[in-house]
Amino acid sequence: MFQTFAFYSTAFYREFSAYTARVLQSIGLNYGALFPLIYVGKHPGCTPSQLVHALGLDWGYGQRSIQKLVDDGFICRTKEGRSYRLELCEKGRHAFEVSHQVFFDWDQQMLAPLTQEERGQLCQLLEKVRKGQIQQE
């Protein structure tokens, strides 16, 4: 079988996306709404521009994502001066908790065969690879 980092990272991405989509579907969200919702939950009062920049989204896609979350009642958008501020609505706060928890639940399932020490080693190695990539950019 394939034994490359690229193969495993792609496989994990697909598995995480499918798992997350199933969980989010139960609260009326899709995978594409996951990161904008979490960003607003962690940065209440942020602007759409800040969200788009932080997540590296295309401006048009970011605006459509925000509008859908507003229309569906997850995010409240209020005008402040010349810009808008984003906050989670009540429905969004519940969705934020579910969305945030999905990361921990998936990790628990996927890393179950590993000891705590092995989990720590794996995360340290992955962080080392990630930092090396960031430095190259």
N, C-alpha and C. Protein backbone atom coordinates (compact mmCIF):
# COMPACT_ATOMS: atom_id res chain seq x y z
N MET A 1 0.84 -1.19 0.00
CA MET A 1 0.00 0.00 0.00
C MET A 1 0.88 1.24 0.00
N PHE A 2 0.28 2.38 -0.29
CA PHE A 2 1.01 3.66 -0.28
C PHE A 2 1.53 3.95 1.12
N GLN A 3 2.75 4.42 1.20
CA GLN A 3 3.29 4.80 2.50
C GLN A 3 3.95 6.15 2.40
N THR A 4 3.18 7.12 1.99
CA THR A 4 3.68 8.49 1.93
C THR A 4 2.86 9.37 2.85
N PHE A 5 3.47 10.43 3.30
CA PHE A 5 2.77 11.39 4.14
C PHE A 5 1.57 11.96 3.39
N ALA A 6 1.77 12.25 2.10
CA ALA A 6 0.69 12.82 1.28
C ALA A 6 -0.52 11.88 1.24
N PHE A 7 -0.28 10.59 1.10
CA PHE A 7 -1.38 9.62 1.06
C PHE A 7 -2.16 9.65 2.37
N TYR A 8 -1.43 9.56 3.50
CA TYR A 8 -2.11 9.51 4.79
C TYR A 8 -2.82 10.82 5.11
N SER A 9 -2.19 11.94 4.81
CA SER A 9 -2.85 13.22 5.11
C SER A 9 -4.12 13.38 4.28
N THR A 10 -4.09 12.94 3.03
CA THR A 10 -5.29 13.01 2.19
C THR A 10 -6.37 12.08 2.70
N ALA A 11 -5.98 10.88 3.10
CA ALA A 11 -6.96 9.92 3.62
C ALA A 11 -7.60 10.45 4.90
N PHE A 12 -6.78 11.01 5.81
CA PHE A 12 -7.33 11.56 7.05
C PHE A 12 -8.25 12.74 6.76
N TYR A 13 -7.89 13.59 5.81
CA TYR A 13 -8.74 14.73 5.45
C TYR A 13 -10.11 14.25 4.97
N ARG A 14 -10.11 13.26 4.09
CA ARG A 14 -11.38 12.76 3.56
C ARG A 14 -12.22 12.12 4.66
N GLU A 15 -11.58 11.36 5.53
CA GLU A 15 -12.31 10.72 6.63
C GLU A 15 -12.86 11.76 7.60
N PHE A 16 -12.06 12.77 7.92
CA PHE A 16 -12.52 13.81 8.84
C PHE A 16 -13.66 14.60 8.21
N SER A 17 -13.55 14.92 6.93
CA SER A 17 -14.61 15.66 6.24
C SER A 17 -15.93 14.89 6.26
N ALA A 18 -15.86 13.59 5.98
CA ALA A 18 -17.07 12.77 5.96
C ALA A 18 -17.67 12.68 7.37
N TYR A 19 -16.84 12.44 8.36
CA TYR A 19 -17.31 12.36 9.75
C TYR A 19 -17.97 13.67 10.17
N THR A 20 -17.28 14.77 9.90
CA THR A 20 -17.78 16.09 10.29
C THR A 20 -19.09 16.41 9.57
N ALA A 21 -19.17 16.08 8.30
CA ALA A 21 -20.40 16.35 7.54
C ALA A 21 -21.58 15.62 8.17
N ARG A 22 -21.37 14.37 8.60
CA ARG A 22 -22.47 13.61 9.23
C ARG A 22 -22.91 14.28 10.53
N VAL A 23 -21.97 14.71 11.34
CA VAL A 23 -22.31 15.34 12.62
C VAL A 23 -23.01 16.69 12.39
N LEU A 24 -22.45 17.50 11.49
CA LEU A 24 -23.00 18.83 11.25
C LEU A 24 -24.38 18.79 10.59
N GLN A 25 -24.61 17.77 9.79
CA GLN A 25 -25.91 17.64 9.12
C GLN A 25 -27.04 17.59 10.14
N SER A 26 -26.78 17.03 11.30
CA SER A 26 -27.82 16.91 12.32
C SER A 26 -28.24 18.26 12.89
N ILE A 27 -27.40 19.30 12.71
CA ILE A 27 -27.76 20.63 13.21
C ILE A 27 -27.97 21.63 12.07
N GLY A 28 -28.05 21.12 10.84
CA GLY A 28 -28.36 21.98 9.70
C GLY A 28 -27.18 22.71 9.09
N LEU A 29 -25.96 22.21 9.31
CA LEU A 29 -24.77 22.83 8.73
C LEU A 29 -24.09 21.88 7.77
N ASN A 30 -23.22 22.43 6.93
CA ASN A 30 -22.39 21.59 6.07
C ASN A 30 -20.93 21.83 6.43
N TYR A 31 -20.05 21.02 5.88
CA TYR A 31 -18.62 21.10 6.21
C TYR A 31 -18.04 22.48 5.89
N GLY A 32 -18.51 23.10 4.82
CA GLY A 32 -18.00 24.41 4.43
C GLY A 32 -18.27 25.50 5.45
N ALA A 33 -19.27 25.31 6.30
CA ALA A 33 -19.61 26.32 7.31
C ALA A 33 -18.81 26.13 8.60
N LEU A 34 -18.10 25.02 8.71
CA LEU A 34 -17.41 24.68 9.96
C LEU A 34 -16.43 25.76 10.40
N PHE A 35 -15.49 26.11 9.55
CA PHE A 35 -14.43 27.02 9.96
C PHE A 35 -14.90 28.48 10.10
N PRO A 36 -15.77 28.99 9.22
CA PRO A 36 -16.30 30.34 9.49
C PRO A 36 -17.07 30.42 10.81
N LEU A 37 -17.85 29.41 11.11
CA LEU A 37 -18.62 29.40 12.36
C LEU A 37 -17.68 29.36 13.57
N ILE A 38 -16.67 28.51 13.53
CA ILE A 38 -15.72 28.42 14.64
C ILE A 38 -14.94 29.73 14.77
N TYR A 39 -14.56 30.33 13.65
CA TYR A 39 -13.82 31.60 13.72
C TYR A 39 -14.65 32.68 14.42
N VAL A 40 -15.90 32.82 14.03
CA VAL A 40 -16.75 33.83 14.66
C VAL A 40 -16.96 33.50 16.14
N GLY A 41 -17.10 32.23 16.46
CA GLY A 41 -17.26 31.83 17.86
C GLY A 41 -16.05 32.17 18.71
N LYS A 42 -14.87 32.08 18.11
CA LYS A 42 -13.64 32.38 18.85
C LYS A 42 -13.24 33.85 18.75
N HIS A 43 -13.84 34.58 17.81
CA HIS A 43 -13.53 36.00 17.61
C HIS A 43 -14.81 36.83 17.50
N PRO A 44 -15.63 36.85 18.56
CA PRO A 44 -16.89 37.60 18.49
C PRO A 44 -16.62 39.07 18.20
N GLY A 45 -17.44 39.63 17.33
CA GLY A 45 -17.27 41.03 16.95
C GLY A 45 -16.32 41.24 15.79
N CYS A 46 -15.84 40.15 15.20
CA CYS A 46 -14.93 40.27 14.06
C CYS A 46 -15.68 40.82 12.84
N THR A 47 -14.93 41.31 11.88
CA THR A 47 -15.52 41.80 10.64
C THR A 47 -15.46 40.69 9.60
N PRO A 48 -16.29 40.77 8.57
CA PRO A 48 -16.19 39.81 7.49
C PRO A 48 -14.79 39.80 6.86
N SER A 49 -14.17 40.95 6.75
CA SER A 49 -12.83 41.04 6.18
C SER A 49 -11.82 40.27 7.03
N GLN A 50 -11.91 40.39 8.33
CA GLN A 50 -11.01 39.66 9.22
C GLN A 50 -11.20 38.16 9.07
N LEU A 51 -12.44 37.71 9.00
CA LEU A 51 -12.74 36.29 8.83
C LEU A 51 -12.16 35.77 7.53
N VAL A 52 -12.42 36.47 6.44
CA VAL A 52 -11.95 36.05 5.12
C VAL A 52 -10.42 35.97 5.10
N HIS A 53 -9.77 36.97 5.66
CA HIS A 53 -8.30 37.00 5.67
C HIS A 53 -7.74 35.87 6.54
N ALA A 54 -8.28 35.70 7.74
CA ALA A 54 -7.77 34.69 8.67
C ALA A 54 -7.91 33.27 8.13
N LEU A 55 -9.01 33.01 7.42
CA LEU A 55 -9.25 31.67 6.90
C LEU A 55 -8.70 31.48 5.49
N GLY A 56 -8.15 32.54 4.90
CA GLY A 56 -7.59 32.43 3.56
C GLY A 56 -8.64 32.12 2.50
N LEU A 57 -9.81 32.71 2.66
CA LEU A 57 -10.91 32.46 1.72
C LEU A 57 -10.91 33.49 0.60
N ASP A 58 -11.45 33.09 -0.52
CA ASP A 58 -11.75 34.01 -1.61
C ASP A 58 -12.84 34.95 -1.10
N TRP A 59 -12.75 36.24 -1.45
CA TRP A 59 -13.70 37.22 -0.93
C TRP A 59 -15.16 36.84 -1.24
N GLY A 60 -15.43 36.46 -2.47
CA GLY A 60 -16.80 36.10 -2.86
C GLY A 60 -17.31 34.89 -2.10
N TYR A 61 -16.47 33.87 -2.00
CA TYR A 61 -16.87 32.66 -1.27
C TYR A 61 -17.12 33.00 0.21
N GLY A 62 -16.23 33.81 0.78
CA GLY A 62 -16.39 34.20 2.18
C GLY A 62 -17.70 34.93 2.41
N GLN A 63 -18.02 35.85 1.51
CA GLN A 63 -19.27 36.61 1.66
C GLN A 63 -20.49 35.71 1.53
N ARG A 64 -20.45 34.78 0.58
CA ARG A 64 -21.57 33.84 0.42
C ARG A 64 -21.72 32.95 1.66
N SER A 65 -20.60 32.51 2.22
CA SER A 65 -20.64 31.67 3.42
C SER A 65 -21.23 32.43 4.59
N ILE A 66 -20.80 33.67 4.77
CA ILE A 66 -21.32 34.50 5.86
C ILE A 66 -22.82 34.73 5.66
N GLN A 67 -23.22 35.08 4.44
CA GLN A 67 -24.64 35.35 4.16
C GLN A 67 -25.49 34.13 4.45
N LYS A 68 -25.01 32.95 4.07
CA LYS A 68 -25.77 31.71 4.34
C LYS A 68 -25.91 31.48 5.84
N LEU A 69 -24.83 31.70 6.58
CA LEU A 69 -24.89 31.53 8.04
C LEU A 69 -25.82 32.56 8.68
N VAL A 70 -25.86 33.77 8.14
CA VAL A 70 -26.79 34.80 8.63
C VAL A 70 -28.22 34.39 8.29
N ASP A 71 -28.45 34.02 7.04
CA ASP A 71 -29.80 33.62 6.61
C ASP A 71 -30.34 32.44 7.39
N ASP A 72 -29.45 31.51 7.76
CA ASP A 72 -29.87 30.31 8.49
C ASP A 72 -29.94 30.53 10.00
N GLY A 73 -29.62 31.75 10.47
CA GLY A 73 -29.76 32.08 11.88
C GLY A 73 -28.62 31.65 12.78
N PHE A 74 -27.46 31.34 12.21
CA PHE A 74 -26.31 30.95 13.02
C PHE A 74 -25.46 32.15 13.42
N ILE A 75 -25.37 33.13 12.54
CA ILE A 75 -24.56 34.32 12.78
C ILE A 75 -25.44 35.56 12.69
N CYS A 76 -25.22 36.49 13.61
CA CYS A 76 -25.89 37.79 13.58
C CYS A 76 -24.88 38.82 13.06
N ARG A 77 -25.32 39.63 12.14
CA ARG A 77 -24.45 40.66 11.54
C ARG A 77 -25.04 42.02 11.89
N THR A 78 -24.23 42.86 12.54
CA THR A 78 -24.71 44.20 12.91
C THR A 78 -23.80 45.24 12.28
N LYS A 79 -24.42 46.33 11.84
CA LYS A 79 -23.69 47.43 11.21
C LYS A 79 -23.05 48.27 12.30
N GLU A 80 -21.77 48.55 12.12
CA GLU A 80 -21.04 49.40 13.06
C GLU A 80 -20.17 50.35 12.24
N GLY A 81 -20.60 51.57 12.13
CA GLY A 81 -19.88 52.51 11.28
C GLY A 81 -20.01 52.10 9.83
N ARG A 82 -18.86 51.96 9.17
CA ARG A 82 -18.86 51.56 7.76
C ARG A 82 -18.71 50.06 7.56
N SER A 83 -18.59 49.32 8.64
CA SER A 83 -18.41 47.88 8.50
C SER A 83 -19.46 47.11 9.30
N TYR A 84 -19.40 45.81 9.17
CA TYR A 84 -20.30 44.92 9.90
C TYR A 84 -19.50 44.14 10.93
N ARG A 85 -20.16 43.79 12.02
CA ARG A 85 -19.56 42.94 13.06
C ARG A 85 -20.35 41.64 13.10
N LEU A 86 -19.64 40.56 13.29
CA LEU A 86 -20.25 39.23 13.30
C LEU A 86 -20.22 38.65 14.71
N GLU A 87 -21.34 38.07 15.10
CA GLU A 87 -21.48 37.40 16.40
C GLU A 87 -22.30 36.14 16.18
N LEU A 88 -22.16 35.20 17.08
CA LEU A 88 -23.01 34.02 17.03
C LEU A 88 -24.38 34.34 17.61
N CYS A 89 -25.43 33.91 16.92
CA CYS A 89 -26.78 33.99 17.46
C CYS A 89 -26.95 32.79 18.40
N GLU A 90 -28.09 32.68 19.04
CA GLU A 90 -28.32 31.56 19.96
C GLU A 90 -28.13 30.22 19.25
N LYS A 91 -28.72 30.09 18.09
CA LYS A 91 -28.58 28.86 17.30
C LYS A 91 -27.10 28.62 16.95
N GLY A 92 -26.38 29.68 16.69
CA GLY A 92 -24.96 29.59 16.37
C GLY A 92 -24.11 29.16 17.54
N ARG A 93 -24.49 29.57 18.74
CA ARG A 93 -23.73 29.17 19.93
C ARG A 93 -23.81 27.66 20.13
N HIS A 94 -25.00 27.11 19.93
CA HIS A 94 -25.15 25.65 20.03
C HIS A 94 -24.33 24.97 18.92
N ALA A 95 -24.43 25.49 17.71
CA ALA A 95 -23.69 24.91 16.59
C ALA A 95 -22.18 25.02 16.81
N PHE A 96 -21.74 26.11 17.43
CA PHE A 96 -20.31 26.27 17.74
C PHE A 96 -19.84 25.17 18.67
N GLU A 97 -20.61 24.90 19.70
CA GLU A 97 -20.23 23.84 20.65
C GLU A 97 -20.12 22.49 19.95
N VAL A 98 -21.10 22.17 19.13
CA VAL A 98 -21.09 20.90 18.39
C VAL A 98 -19.90 20.87 17.43
N SER A 99 -19.69 21.97 16.71
CA SER A 99 -18.61 22.04 15.71
C SER A 99 -17.24 21.95 16.36
N HIS A 100 -17.08 22.60 17.48
CA HIS A 100 -15.81 22.59 18.19
C HIS A 100 -15.53 21.19 18.74
N GLN A 101 -16.55 20.55 19.27
CA GLN A 101 -16.41 19.23 19.88
C GLN A 101 -16.06 18.15 18.85
N VAL A 102 -16.47 18.35 17.60
CA VAL A 102 -16.24 17.34 16.58
C VAL A 102 -14.74 17.03 16.43
N PHE A 103 -13.89 18.02 16.62
CA PHE A 103 -12.44 17.81 16.53
C PHE A 103 -11.96 16.86 17.62
N PHE A 104 -12.42 17.08 18.83
CA PHE A 104 -12.00 16.25 19.96
C PHE A 104 -12.55 14.83 19.85
N ASP A 105 -13.80 14.72 19.42
CA ASP A 105 -14.42 13.40 19.29
C ASP A 105 -13.72 12.58 18.21
N TRP A 106 -13.41 13.22 17.08
CA TRP A 106 -12.73 12.51 15.99
C TRP A 106 -11.34 12.06 16.43
N ASP A 107 -10.62 12.95 17.10
CA ASP A 107 -9.29 12.59 17.61
C ASP A 107 -9.39 11.39 18.55
N GLN A 108 -10.36 11.42 19.43
CA GLN A 108 -10.54 10.32 20.39
C GLN A 108 -10.74 9.00 19.66
N GLN A 109 -11.56 9.00 18.63
CA GLN A 109 -11.82 7.78 17.87
C GLN A 109 -10.59 7.32 17.09
N MET A 110 -9.97 8.26 16.39
CA MET A 110 -8.85 7.90 15.52
C MET A 110 -7.60 7.50 16.31
N LEU A 111 -7.38 8.13 17.44
CA LEU A 111 -6.16 7.89 18.21
C LEU A 111 -6.34 6.86 19.32
N ALA A 112 -7.50 6.21 19.36
CA ALA A 112 -7.79 5.23 20.41
C ALA A 112 -6.72 4.13 20.51
N PRO A 113 -6.16 3.64 19.40
CA PRO A 113 -5.15 2.58 19.52
C PRO A 113 -3.81 3.04 20.12
N LEU A 114 -3.60 4.34 20.25
CA LEU A 114 -2.33 4.87 20.72
C LEU A 114 -2.37 5.14 22.23
N THR A 115 -1.22 5.01 22.87
CA THR A 115 -1.11 5.40 24.27
C THR A 115 -1.01 6.92 24.34
N GLN A 116 -1.15 7.47 25.53
CA GLN A 116 -1.02 8.93 25.70
C GLN A 116 0.36 9.39 25.24
N GLU A 117 1.38 8.62 25.56
CA GLU A 117 2.74 8.97 25.15
C GLU A 117 2.86 8.98 23.62
N GLU A 118 2.29 7.98 22.97
CA GLU A 118 2.34 7.92 21.50
C GLU A 118 1.56 9.08 20.87
N ARG A 119 0.45 9.44 21.48
CA ARG A 119 -0.34 10.58 20.98
C ARG A 119 0.49 11.86 21.05
N GLY A 120 1.16 12.04 22.17
CA GLY A 120 2.01 13.22 22.33
C GLY A 120 3.14 13.24 21.31
N GLN A 121 3.77 12.10 21.09
CA GLN A 121 4.86 12.01 20.12
C GLN A 121 4.35 12.31 18.71
N LEU A 122 3.20 11.76 18.37
CA LEU A 122 2.63 11.99 17.05
C LEU A 122 2.36 13.48 16.84
N CYS A 123 1.74 14.11 17.81
CA CYS A 123 1.44 15.54 17.68
C CYS A 123 2.72 16.38 17.60
N GLN A 124 3.73 16.02 18.36
CA GLN A 124 5.01 16.73 18.30
C GLN A 124 5.64 16.60 16.92
N LEU A 125 5.61 15.40 16.36
CA LEU A 125 6.19 15.19 15.03
C LEU A 125 5.42 15.94 13.95
N LEU A 126 4.10 15.92 14.04
CA LEU A 126 3.28 16.63 13.06
C LEU A 126 3.52 18.14 13.17
N GLU A 127 3.65 18.65 14.37
CA GLU A 127 3.93 20.07 14.55
C GLU A 127 5.30 20.43 13.98
N LYS A 128 6.26 19.55 14.14
CA LYS A 128 7.60 19.77 13.58
C LYS A 128 7.54 19.86 12.05
N VAL A 129 6.78 18.97 11.44
CA VAL A 129 6.60 19.00 9.99
C VAL A 129 5.90 20.29 9.57
N ARG A 130 4.87 20.65 10.29
CA ARG A 130 4.10 21.87 9.97
C ARG A 130 4.97 23.11 10.10
N LYS A 131 5.74 23.22 11.16
CA LYS A 131 6.61 24.38 11.35
C LYS A 131 7.66 24.46 10.26
N GLY A 132 8.18 23.32 9.83
CA GLY A 132 9.15 23.29 8.75
C GLY A 132 8.54 23.81 7.46
N GLN A 133 7.28 23.49 7.22
CA GLN A 133 6.58 23.95 6.02
C GLN A 133 6.35 25.45 6.08
N ILE A 134 5.96 25.94 7.23
CA ILE A 134 5.70 27.39 7.39
C ILE A 134 6.97 28.18 7.17
N GLN A 135 8.10 27.69 7.66
CA GLN A 135 9.37 28.39 7.50
C GLN A 135 9.81 28.44 6.04
N GLN A 136 9.42 27.44 5.25
CA GLN A 136 9.80 27.39 3.84
C GLN A 136 9.03 28.39 3.01
N GLU A 137 7.85 28.79 3.47
CA GLU A 137 6.99 29.69 2.67
C GLU A 137 7.47 31.08 2.67
